[in-house]
Amino acid sequence: MSRSWGGSFSIVRGLAVEKILVTGGAGFIGRAVCKELLSRGHSVRVLDSLIEQVHGEGNRPQDLDAEVELIHADIRNGNTVDRALQGIDSVIHLAAEVGVGQSMYEVERYTSTNDVGTAVIFERLIDNPVRRVVTASSMSIYGEGLYRDADGQIVQDAERGAIRDNQKVWEPLDSAGRPLTPIATPEWKRPSLASIYALNKYVQERTTHTMTAPYGMEGVCLRLFNVYGPGQALSNPYTGAARHPQRSSAFAR
């Protein structure tokens, strides 16, 4: 094992102030995170590839605060990651290809960016450890969520698309063909990985927890549910969730 985090942070107005690296920080969620961090007195550096599908010509987003230092580069570039980690106290890892549907036919692109990119970060953190790494995961890990059958039993592996009377049925059914009732999905529900994106996010979670403690770092993973609002790119594959609020609510149980 290499050395653990031995850095220090400043105290401003009685609050601990850090220099924080936000990967994917030029994205929709990332810009909001950067704004919040700055409001708390932290110094923020962003590493973002500014991909064309989301950022068009790859220019710095207008609503990315001018106080944010932006490194325009790919997260899979180890030398750039090394440079981005210099002087950093904590990392918020948001960089990812997002969207369930697109992940099913852009398999190499998603897996390379999401899983290999995460691996590069943690490999470089071995020699540049930080206090804490917060990784953005996804509700997609839960699959269809938790259900209860007609007998009151918990069902963790519900699936849509069952065949009933020679037709596909959208709502999940139990083994006897009876409708299931959706219930609140707790964190302890076992993973149900129904897409490459869900698989990617689960690998990111496990990589975070596997690599932080042995190197003296804290690791936290947040399973984000549907996020939408002003400033979201309409070309982002995830944006379809915002266009269909009724369908989105079914996934966000």
Protein backbone atom coordinates (compact mmCIF):
# COMPACT_ATOMS: atom_id res chain seq x y z
CA MET A 1 0.00 0.00 0.00
CA SER A 2 1.09 3.56 -0.61
CA ARG A 3 0.79 6.49 1.72
CA SER A 4 -2.55 7.73 3.05
CA TRP A 5 -3.86 11.27 2.80
CA GLY A 6 -1.72 13.58 4.88
CA GLY A 7 -2.99 16.91 3.66
CA SER A 8 -4.51 19.75 5.58
CA PHE A 9 -7.29 22.20 4.93
CA SER A 10 -7.69 25.86 5.75
CA ILE A 11 -10.10 27.24 8.30
CA VAL A 12 -12.15 30.18 7.05
CA ARG A 13 -14.81 31.74 9.29
CA GLY A 14 -14.70 28.63 11.44
CA LEU A 15 -15.32 26.28 8.49
CA ALA A 16 -12.93 23.73 6.97
CA VAL A 17 -12.11 24.83 3.41
CA GLU A 18 -10.63 22.43 0.87
CA LYS A 19 -9.44 22.37 -2.72
CA ILE A 20 -11.81 20.00 -4.46
CA LEU A 21 -11.55 18.28 -7.84
CA VAL A 22 -14.89 17.71 -9.57
CA THR A 23 -14.63 15.31 -12.49
CA GLY A 24 -17.35 15.98 -15.04
CA GLY A 25 -17.82 19.29 -13.29
CA ALA A 26 -18.81 21.16 -16.45
CA GLY A 27 -21.96 19.05 -16.76
CA PHE A 28 -25.45 19.86 -15.56
CA ILE A 29 -25.06 18.41 -12.07
CA GLY A 30 -21.39 19.33 -11.89
CA ARG A 31 -21.99 23.05 -12.43
CA ALA A 32 -24.54 23.09 -9.61
CA VAL A 33 -22.10 21.24 -7.35
CA CYS A 34 -19.31 23.70 -8.19
CA LYS A 35 -21.57 26.64 -7.40
CA GLU A 36 -22.46 25.16 -4.02
CA LEU A 37 -18.84 24.37 -3.19
CA LEU A 38 -17.75 27.92 -4.01
CA SER A 39 -20.55 29.34 -1.85
CA ARG A 40 -19.05 27.39 1.06
CA GLY A 41 -15.62 28.87 0.49
CA HIS A 42 -13.96 25.89 -1.18
CA SER A 43 -11.57 26.15 -4.11
CA VAL A 44 -12.74 24.15 -7.13
CA ARG A 45 -10.94 22.53 -10.03
CA VAL A 46 -12.87 20.73 -12.80
CA LEU A 47 -11.66 17.96 -15.10
CA ASP A 48 -14.06 17.54 -18.02
CA SER A 49 -13.75 16.30 -21.61
CA LEU A 50 -16.63 18.58 -22.77
CA ILE A 51 -17.98 15.89 -25.11
CA GLU A 52 -19.74 17.08 -28.24
CA GLN A 53 -23.05 15.33 -27.52
CA VAL A 54 -23.52 17.44 -24.40
CA HIS A 55 -21.34 20.52 -24.91
CA GLY A 56 -21.47 21.05 -28.67
CA GLU A 57 -18.24 22.69 -29.82
CA GLY A 58 -16.57 21.99 -26.49
CA ASN A 59 -16.44 25.54 -25.19
CA ARG A 60 -16.46 26.38 -21.49
CA PRO A 61 -20.11 26.49 -20.32
CA GLN A 62 -21.26 30.07 -19.73
CA ASP A 63 -22.76 29.21 -16.35
CA LEU A 64 -19.63 27.49 -15.05
CA ASP A 65 -18.44 29.98 -12.45
CA ALA A 66 -15.39 32.00 -13.49
CA GLU A 67 -13.69 31.07 -10.21
CA VAL A 68 -13.60 27.41 -11.25
CA GLU A 69 -10.33 26.19 -12.75
CA LEU A 70 -11.18 24.07 -15.81
CA ILE A 71 -8.92 21.36 -17.21
CA HIS A 72 -10.29 20.28 -20.59
CA ALA A 73 -9.18 16.66 -20.91
CA ASP A 74 -10.26 13.03 -20.92
CA ILE A 75 -10.53 11.29 -17.56
CA ARG A 76 -8.77 8.26 -19.05
CA ASN A 77 -5.58 10.29 -19.58
CA GLY A 78 -3.48 9.30 -16.58
CA ASN A 79 -0.94 12.11 -16.94
CA THR A 80 -3.70 14.71 -16.98
CA VAL A 81 -5.38 13.10 -13.97
CA ASP A 82 -2.05 13.31 -12.14
CA ARG A 83 -1.90 17.03 -12.89
CA ALA A 84 -5.53 17.53 -11.88
CA LEU A 85 -4.92 15.85 -8.50
CA GLN A 86 -2.03 18.08 -7.50
CA GLY A 87 -2.89 19.99 -4.31
CA ILE A 88 -6.38 18.43 -4.10
CA ASP A 89 -7.96 17.57 -0.73
CA SER A 90 -11.11 15.75 -1.90
CA VAL A 91 -12.61 14.45 -5.15
CA ILE A 92 -16.21 14.46 -6.36
CA HIS A 93 -16.35 11.97 -9.23
CA LEU A 94 -19.23 12.82 -11.58
CA ALA A 95 -17.59 12.16 -14.97
CA ALA A 96 -19.57 9.52 -16.86
CA GLU A 97 -21.42 8.63 -20.00
CA VAL A 98 -25.06 8.67 -18.90
CA GLY A 99 -28.32 7.15 -20.12
CA VAL A 100 -29.59 3.58 -19.92
CA GLY A 101 -30.80 3.19 -23.51
CA GLN A 102 -27.68 4.47 -25.26
CA SER A 103 -25.48 2.27 -23.08
CA MET A 104 -27.00 -0.81 -24.70
CA TYR A 105 -25.51 -0.03 -28.12
CA GLU A 106 -22.51 2.16 -27.16
CA VAL A 107 -21.11 -0.53 -24.90
CA GLU A 108 -17.39 0.11 -25.43
CA ARG A 109 -17.77 3.88 -25.10
CA TYR A 110 -19.73 3.64 -21.86
CA THR A 111 -17.57 0.98 -20.26
CA SER A 112 -14.33 2.71 -21.24
CA THR A 113 -15.36 6.12 -19.91
CA ASN A 114 -17.22 4.97 -16.83
CA ASP A 115 -15.23 2.00 -15.59
CA VAL A 116 -11.78 2.50 -17.10
CA GLY A 117 -11.98 6.23 -16.33
CA THR A 118 -12.77 5.45 -12.71
CA ALA A 119 -9.91 2.94 -12.59
CA VAL A 120 -7.49 5.58 -13.89
CA ILE A 121 -8.54 8.03 -11.17
CA PHE A 122 -8.06 5.53 -8.37
CA GLU A 123 -4.78 4.24 -9.72
CA ARG A 124 -3.46 7.83 -9.75
CA LEU A 125 -4.89 8.43 -6.27
CA ILE A 126 -2.55 5.74 -4.91
CA ASP A 127 0.32 8.22 -5.09
CA ASN A 128 -1.89 11.31 -4.65
CA PRO A 129 -4.35 10.28 -1.90
CA VAL A 130 -7.09 12.65 -0.78
CA ARG A 131 -9.29 12.89 2.28
CA ARG A 132 -12.50 11.72 0.63
CA VAL A 133 -13.83 10.54 -2.74
CA VAL A 134 -17.54 10.97 -3.45
CA THR A 135 -18.70 8.98 -6.49
CA ALA A 136 -22.00 9.59 -8.28
CA SER A 137 -23.83 6.31 -8.75
CA SER A 138 -27.38 5.76 -10.02
CA MET A 139 -30.83 4.53 -9.12
CA SER A 140 -30.52 2.21 -12.13
CA ILE A 141 -28.68 -0.20 -9.83
CA TYR A 142 -32.04 -0.99 -8.20
CA GLY A 143 -33.59 -2.16 -11.49
CA GLU A 144 -37.36 -1.92 -11.24
CA GLY A 145 -37.19 -1.32 -7.51
CA LEU A 146 -38.92 -3.20 -4.72
CA TYR A 147 -42.40 -4.79 -4.99
CA ARG A 148 -44.83 -6.81 -2.88
CA ASP A 149 -46.86 -9.69 -4.30
CA ALA A 150 -50.49 -10.55 -3.57
CA ASP A 151 -49.40 -12.75 -0.65
CA GLY A 152 -47.48 -9.91 0.97
CA GLN A 153 -44.06 -11.27 0.08
CA ILE A 154 -41.22 -8.93 -0.93
CA VAL A 155 -40.07 -9.24 -4.56
CA GLN A 156 -36.60 -7.88 -5.35
CA ASP A 157 -36.15 -9.09 -8.93
CA ALA A 158 -39.28 -7.78 -10.65
CA GLU A 159 -39.09 -7.38 -14.43
CA ARG A 160 -41.25 -5.75 -17.06
CA GLY A 161 -42.22 -7.33 -20.37
CA ALA A 162 -43.71 -10.60 -19.08
CA ILE A 163 -45.88 -12.56 -21.53
CA ARG A 164 -49.55 -12.89 -20.54
CA ASP A 165 -52.25 -14.15 -22.93
CA ASN A 166 -49.65 -14.04 -25.73
CA GLN A 167 -49.01 -10.35 -25.13
CA LYS A 168 -46.29 -8.43 -23.40
CA VAL A 169 -47.39 -6.78 -20.15
CA TRP A 170 -45.74 -3.53 -19.06
CA GLU A 171 -46.45 -3.81 -15.34
CA PRO A 172 -44.41 -6.44 -13.44
CA LEU A 173 -46.14 -9.70 -12.54
CA ASP A 174 -45.38 -12.44 -10.03
CA SER A 175 -44.75 -16.08 -10.97
CA ALA A 176 -48.50 -16.72 -10.95
CA GLY A 177 -49.20 -13.86 -13.35
CA ARG A 178 -50.62 -11.56 -10.68
CA PRO A 179 -49.80 -7.82 -10.64
CA LEU A 180 -47.13 -6.70 -8.19
CA THR A 181 -47.50 -3.64 -5.98
CA PRO A 182 -44.59 -1.15 -5.97
CA ILE A 183 -43.28 -0.14 -2.56
CA ALA A 184 -40.53 2.20 -1.36
CA THR A 185 -37.10 0.93 -2.38
CA PRO A 186 -34.57 0.94 0.50
CA GLU A 187 -30.80 1.05 0.09
CA TRP A 188 -30.47 -2.60 1.16
CA LYS A 189 -32.28 -3.88 -1.93
CA ARG A 190 -29.89 -6.11 -3.82
CA PRO A 191 -28.66 -4.84 -7.20
CA SER A 192 -30.63 -5.70 -10.32
CA LEU A 193 -28.38 -4.69 -13.19
CA ALA A 194 -30.52 -4.55 -16.32
CA SER A 195 -28.32 -2.32 -18.51
CA ILE A 196 -24.67 -1.63 -19.28
CA TYR A 197 -25.07 1.75 -17.58
CA ALA A 198 -26.31 0.09 -14.37
CA LEU A 199 -23.42 -2.37 -14.55
CA ASN A 200 -20.96 0.51 -15.06
CA LYS A 201 -22.32 2.37 -12.06
CA TYR A 202 -22.13 -0.71 -9.86
CA VAL A 203 -18.50 -1.22 -10.88
CA GLN A 204 -17.81 2.44 -10.03
CA GLU A 205 -19.33 1.90 -6.58
CA ARG A 206 -17.32 -1.22 -5.87
CA THR A 207 -14.11 0.38 -7.18
CA THR A 208 -14.65 3.36 -4.88
CA HIS A 209 -15.20 1.23 -1.78
CA THR A 210 -12.42 -1.19 -2.67
CA MET A 211 -9.78 1.47 -3.29
CA THR A 212 -10.42 4.11 -0.63
CA ALA A 213 -10.02 2.50 2.79
CA PRO A 214 -6.79 0.57 1.99
CA TYR A 215 -5.15 3.86 1.00
CA GLY A 216 -6.37 5.88 3.96
CA MET A 217 -9.19 7.68 2.15
CA GLU A 218 -12.92 7.95 2.82
CA GLY A 219 -15.25 6.68 0.10
CA VAL A 220 -18.90 7.63 -0.40
CA CYS A 221 -21.25 6.64 -3.24
CA LEU A 222 -24.54 8.44 -3.88
CA ARG A 223 -27.25 6.69 -5.91
CA LEU A 224 -28.81 9.67 -7.66
CA PHE A 225 -32.41 9.51 -8.85
CA ASN A 226 -33.86 11.59 -11.70
CA VAL A 227 -32.31 15.05 -11.79
CA TYR A 228 -33.56 17.82 -14.06
CA GLY A 229 -33.81 21.58 -14.27
CA PRO A 230 -32.60 24.75 -15.99
CA GLY A 231 -29.33 24.37 -17.87
CA GLN A 232 -29.74 20.72 -18.73
CA ALA A 233 -28.53 19.81 -22.24
CA LEU A 234 -31.40 18.68 -24.47
CA SER A 235 -28.95 16.56 -26.50
CA ASN A 236 -28.01 14.51 -23.44
CA PRO A 237 -29.49 10.95 -23.72
CA TYR A 238 -30.63 11.21 -20.11
CA THR A 239 -32.85 14.20 -20.90
CA GLY A 240 -35.54 11.87 -22.23
CA ALA A 241 -36.48 11.20 -18.61
CA ALA A 242 -37.38 14.86 -18.18
CA ARG A 243 -39.47 14.84 -21.36
CA HIS A 244 -41.70 12.04 -20.04
CA PRO A 245 -42.47 12.89 -16.40
CA GLN A 246 -45.13 10.18 -15.99
CA ARG A 247 -42.75 7.50 -17.24
CA SER A 248 -39.95 8.95 -15.12
CA SER A 249 -42.03 8.71 -11.97
CA ALA A 250 -42.45 4.99 -12.57
CA PHE A 251 -38.68 4.53 -12.55
CA ALA A 252 -38.07 6.81 -9.57
CA ARG A 253 -39.95 4.84 -6.99
